[in-house]
């Protein structure tokens, strides 16, 4: 890549800007248990555990197949498992509790992320998020980005649950580019941690790729990015800004 300043930079979210501690299943279980207790539903703790603990592997398989599996799909599968035990009103209460639980995850910021994104914005470089979502949708992820001081510097966010496709599908990248008002992807840099989704998806459009491995070092087979960094604070130098 040349040292010319890019027209825009797009970022993956998980393990690039934000990281999440384990415990999402427990947070959602507590939320559901409260509904079960308040409504005196005939759903055992064992059944709650079986349903919730199946979600991560269900997401993984559907995500790799390029099929959406978010909260709506998870709720549909849960309500099949709870069939005959709950009413339509109970379903709404469980879905609402699941949604609220998505705001209570333990989410931290990757070191240097707010500062780097702010620096790019200060140089007049467009910044967008291109992120696959699982059970926590884009509406909640914006809240975490805002809490950690990143959202104010983001010009557009393309989340898979809102766009309707996962990376590496070109549509999610095109959505981000359109949101940035960029016609030529060859002047754009994409930063992410995964070879299959971030590197392959962005490279297919002619974008320059940077793999950040400071939070998660992807060891899956796949073509390597144009640049590999271990610290986000090294990104400005890669872009010719330092």
Protein backbone atom coordinates (compact mmCIF):
# COMPACT_ATOMS: atom_id res chain seq x y z
CA UNK A 1 0.00 0.00 0.00
CA UNK A 2 1.24 3.49 -0.75
CA UNK A 3 1.67 6.07 1.97
CA UNK A 4 -1.10 8.22 0.48
CA UNK A 5 -3.85 8.95 2.95
CA UNK A 6 -6.87 6.71 2.29
CA UNK A 7 -10.24 8.24 1.48
CA UNK A 8 -11.86 6.16 4.20
CA UNK A 9 -11.23 3.36 6.69
CA UNK A 10 -13.74 0.68 7.61
CA UNK A 11 -13.45 -1.33 10.81
CA UNK A 12 -14.72 -4.67 11.95
CA UNK A 13 -16.17 -4.37 15.46
CA UNK A 14 -15.63 -7.51 17.58
CA UNK A 15 -11.98 -8.15 18.43
CA UNK A 16 -11.02 -5.06 16.47
CA UNK A 17 -12.64 -2.15 18.33
CA UNK A 18 -14.51 -3.93 21.11
CA UNK A 19 -14.12 -7.19 23.02
CA UNK A 20 -16.75 -9.06 25.03
CA UNK A 21 -16.13 -11.15 28.11
CA UNK A 22 -17.76 -14.60 28.26
CA UNK A 23 -21.07 -14.66 30.07
CA UNK A 24 -23.71 -13.72 27.54
CA UNK A 25 -25.54 -17.00 28.10
CA UNK A 26 -25.66 -16.40 31.85
CA UNK A 27 -26.89 -12.81 31.45
CA UNK A 28 -29.73 -13.94 29.19
CA UNK A 29 -30.55 -16.88 31.41
CA UNK A 30 -30.95 -14.58 34.42
CA UNK A 31 -33.25 -12.33 32.39
CA UNK A 32 -35.37 -15.28 31.27
CA UNK A 33 -35.47 -16.81 34.73
CA UNK A 34 -36.94 -13.59 36.07
CA UNK A 35 -39.76 -13.79 33.50
CA UNK A 36 -40.33 -17.47 34.28
CA UNK A 37 -40.54 -16.72 38.00
CA UNK A 38 -42.74 -13.65 37.69
CA UNK A 39 -45.19 -15.39 35.37
CA UNK A 40 -44.92 -18.77 37.11
CA UNK A 41 -44.19 -20.46 33.79
CA UNK A 42 -43.80 -24.22 33.60
CA UNK A 43 -40.31 -24.05 32.10
CA UNK A 44 -37.59 -25.91 33.95
CA UNK A 45 -34.11 -24.53 34.52
CA UNK A 46 -32.79 -27.47 32.56
CA UNK A 47 -34.87 -26.53 29.50
CA UNK A 48 -33.77 -22.90 29.76
CA UNK A 49 -30.15 -23.99 29.85
CA UNK A 50 -30.54 -26.37 26.91
CA UNK A 51 -32.13 -23.70 24.73
CA UNK A 52 -29.71 -20.90 25.61
CA UNK A 53 -26.58 -23.03 25.47
CA UNK A 54 -27.48 -24.16 21.96
CA UNK A 55 -27.50 -20.62 20.57
CA UNK A 56 -23.72 -20.07 20.23
CA UNK A 57 -23.17 -23.21 18.16
CA UNK A 58 -26.31 -22.53 16.12
CA UNK A 59 -24.99 -19.06 15.33
CA UNK A 60 -21.55 -20.38 14.43
CA UNK A 61 -22.92 -22.89 11.92
CA UNK A 62 -25.39 -20.47 10.35
CA UNK A 63 -22.83 -17.64 10.22
CA UNK A 64 -20.33 -19.83 8.41
CA UNK A 65 -23.07 -20.87 5.97
CA UNK A 66 -23.97 -17.23 5.36
CA UNK A 67 -27.45 -17.56 6.83
CA UNK A 68 -28.73 -15.01 9.32
CA UNK A 69 -29.06 -16.17 12.91
CA UNK A 70 -29.80 -13.33 15.27
CA UNK A 71 -32.25 -12.67 18.05
CA UNK A 72 -35.39 -13.17 15.88
CA UNK A 73 -34.20 -16.56 14.67
CA UNK A 74 -33.09 -17.56 18.16
CA UNK A 75 -36.46 -16.56 19.61
CA UNK A 76 -38.30 -18.58 16.97
CA UNK A 77 -36.30 -21.69 17.87
CA UNK A 78 -36.78 -21.09 21.59
CA UNK A 79 -40.53 -20.78 21.27
CA UNK A 80 -40.67 -24.07 19.40
CA UNK A 81 -38.85 -25.65 22.35
CA UNK A 82 -41.31 -23.97 24.75
CA UNK A 83 -44.35 -24.93 22.68
CA UNK A 84 -47.38 -25.71 24.83
CA UNK A 85 -45.77 -24.17 27.90
CA UNK A 86 -46.19 -20.45 27.17
CA UNK A 87 -48.71 -18.04 25.65
CA UNK A 88 -48.19 -15.40 22.99
CA UNK A 89 -47.96 -12.81 25.75
CA UNK A 90 -45.30 -14.89 27.48
CA UNK A 91 -43.37 -15.03 24.21
CA UNK A 92 -43.36 -11.24 24.01
CA UNK A 93 -42.15 -10.96 27.61
CA UNK A 94 -39.31 -13.44 26.99
CA UNK A 95 -38.33 -11.69 23.77
CA UNK A 96 -38.28 -8.31 25.53
CA UNK A 97 -36.16 -9.70 28.36
CA UNK A 98 -33.74 -11.21 25.86
CA UNK A 99 -33.48 -7.84 24.11
CA UNK A 100 -32.80 -5.95 27.35
CA UNK A 101 -30.15 -8.51 28.31
CA UNK A 102 -28.21 -7.52 25.18
CA UNK A 103 -27.56 -4.15 26.85
CA UNK A 104 -26.05 -5.80 29.93
CA UNK A 105 -23.10 -7.66 28.45
CA UNK A 106 -19.58 -7.04 29.70
CA UNK A 107 -18.00 -5.21 26.77
CA UNK A 108 -14.59 -3.55 26.86
CA UNK A 109 -12.73 -1.42 24.35
CA UNK A 110 -9.60 -2.50 22.51
CA UNK A 111 -6.61 -0.47 23.64
CA UNK A 112 -6.16 2.58 21.45
CA UNK A 113 -9.42 2.19 19.54
CA UNK A 114 -11.06 5.52 20.52
CA UNK A 115 -7.83 7.43 19.98
CA UNK A 116 -7.12 5.90 16.56
CA UNK A 117 -10.67 6.41 15.28
CA UNK A 118 -10.61 10.00 16.56
CA UNK A 119 -7.29 10.62 14.84
CA UNK A 120 -8.63 9.37 11.51
CA UNK A 121 -11.69 11.57 11.80
CA UNK A 122 -9.46 14.52 12.67
CA UNK A 123 -7.60 13.99 9.40
CA UNK A 124 -10.88 14.14 7.50
CA UNK A 125 -10.86 10.42 6.76
CA UNK A 126 -14.28 8.78 6.63
CA UNK A 127 -14.81 6.03 9.20
CA UNK A 128 -17.35 3.21 8.99
CA UNK A 129 -18.10 0.00 10.86
CA UNK A 130 -18.64 -3.24 8.93
CA UNK A 131 -19.70 -5.81 11.49
CA UNK A 132 -21.28 -9.22 11.67
CA UNK A 133 -23.76 -9.43 14.54
CA UNK A 134 -24.95 -12.48 16.43
CA UNK A 135 -27.56 -12.30 19.18
CA UNK A 136 -26.71 -8.68 19.96
CA UNK A 137 -27.94 -6.48 17.14
CA UNK A 138 -26.62 -3.26 15.71
CA UNK A 139 -28.99 -1.15 17.79
CA UNK A 140 -27.27 -2.39 20.95
CA UNK A 141 -23.76 -2.33 19.51
CA UNK A 142 -24.12 1.37 18.79
CA UNK A 143 -24.74 1.82 22.50
CA UNK A 144 -21.49 0.09 23.39
CA UNK A 145 -19.58 2.11 20.79
CA UNK A 146 -21.06 5.27 22.21
CA UNK A 147 -20.21 4.28 25.79
CA UNK A 148 -16.57 3.73 24.84
CA UNK A 149 -16.22 7.03 22.99
CA UNK A 150 -16.06 5.67 19.45
CA UNK A 151 -19.47 6.32 17.91
CA UNK A 152 -19.07 10.09 17.66
CA UNK A 153 -16.23 9.56 15.19
CA UNK A 154 -18.06 7.00 13.05
CA UNK A 155 -19.76 8.29 9.89
CA UNK A 156 -21.70 5.11 9.09
CA UNK A 157 -22.26 1.64 10.52
CA UNK A 158 -23.22 -1.43 8.50
CA UNK A 159 -24.38 -4.26 10.76
CA UNK A 160 -25.28 -7.64 9.32
CA UNK A 161 -28.65 -7.84 11.07
CA UNK A 162 -29.63 -4.55 9.40
CA UNK A 163 -28.06 -5.13 5.98
CA UNK A 164 -29.19 -8.77 5.83
CA UNK A 165 -25.89 -10.46 4.96
CA UNK A 166 -22.68 -11.43 6.74
CA UNK A 167 -19.17 -10.71 5.58
CA UNK A 168 -17.58 -11.62 3.21
CA UNK A 169 -20.69 -10.87 1.12
CA UNK A 170 -19.96 -7.75 -0.92
CA UNK A 171 -23.32 -6.14 -0.08
CA UNK A 172 -22.33 -5.31 3.48
CA UNK A 173 -19.14 -3.62 2.29
CA UNK A 174 -21.02 -1.79 -0.45
CA UNK A 175 -23.50 -0.59 2.16
CA UNK A 176 -20.67 0.92 4.19
CA UNK A 177 -19.08 2.54 1.15
CA UNK A 178 -22.42 4.02 0.12
CA UNK A 179 -22.90 5.34 3.64
CA UNK A 180 -19.52 7.03 3.37
CA UNK A 181 -20.30 8.43 -0.07
CA UNK A 182 -17.33 6.54 -1.55
CA UNK A 183 -17.52 5.30 -5.13
CA UNK A 184 -14.02 3.82 -5.48
CA UNK A 185 -13.25 1.07 -2.95
CA UNK A 186 -9.59 0.94 -4.00
CA UNK A 187 -8.93 4.04 -1.92
CA UNK A 188 -10.42 2.48 1.21
CA UNK A 189 -8.71 0.44 3.92
CA UNK A 190 -10.52 -2.25 5.91
CA UNK A 191 -9.29 -3.30 9.35
CA UNK A 192 -10.45 -6.55 10.94
CA UNK A 193 -9.30 -9.72 12.65
CA UNK A 194 -10.62 -12.54 10.45
CA UNK A 195 -9.18 -13.80 7.17
CA UNK A 196 -12.38 -15.44 5.88
CA UNK A 197 -14.67 -12.48 6.43
CA UNK A 198 -12.60 -9.32 6.76
CA UNK A 199 -9.60 -9.94 4.53
CA UNK A 200 -11.35 -11.94 1.81
CA UNK A 201 -14.45 -9.76 1.72
CA UNK A 202 -12.65 -6.44 1.53
CA UNK A 203 -9.97 -7.64 -0.87
CA UNK A 204 -12.59 -8.90 -3.32
CA UNK A 205 -13.71 -5.28 -3.72
CA UNK A 206 -10.17 -3.99 -4.20
CA UNK A 207 -9.84 -2.52 -0.71
CA UNK A 208 -6.51 -2.56 1.10
CA UNK A 209 -6.65 -4.93 4.06
CA UNK A 210 -5.14 -4.71 7.54
CA UNK A 211 -5.47 -7.62 9.95
CA UNK A 212 -5.41 -6.67 13.61
CA UNK A 213 -4.40 -9.62 15.74
CA UNK A 214 -3.97 -7.91 19.10
CA UNK A 215 -7.26 -9.20 20.52
CA UNK A 216 -7.63 -12.40 18.49
CA UNK A 217 -5.04 -13.95 16.20
CA UNK A 218 -6.97 -15.82 13.52
CA UNK A 219 -5.22 -19.10 12.76
CA UNK A 220 -7.72 -20.33 10.19
CA UNK A 221 -6.58 -21.01 6.66
CA UNK A 222 -6.89 -18.09 4.29
CA UNK A 223 -4.98 -15.40 2.46
CA UNK A 224 -3.16 -12.97 4.69
CA UNK A 225 -3.93 -9.26 4.74
CA UNK A 226 -1.78 -6.64 3.06
CA UNK A 227 -0.63 -5.53 6.51
CA UNK A 228 -0.71 -7.22 9.92
CA UNK A 229 -0.58 -5.25 13.16
CA UNK A 230 -0.59 -6.24 16.81
CA UNK A 231 -1.61 -2.83 18.18
CA UNK A 232 -4.26 -0.49 16.84
CA UNK A 233 -2.00 2.45 17.65
CA UNK A 234 0.26 1.19 14.84
CA UNK A 235 -2.47 1.75 12.24
CA UNK A 236 -1.75 5.46 11.60
CA UNK A 237 1.82 4.63 10.61
CA UNK A 238 0.58 1.95 8.21
CA UNK A 239 -1.73 4.56 6.66
CA UNK A 240 1.07 7.10 6.32
CA UNK A 241 -0.35 9.35 9.03
CA UNK A 242 2.55 9.14 11.45
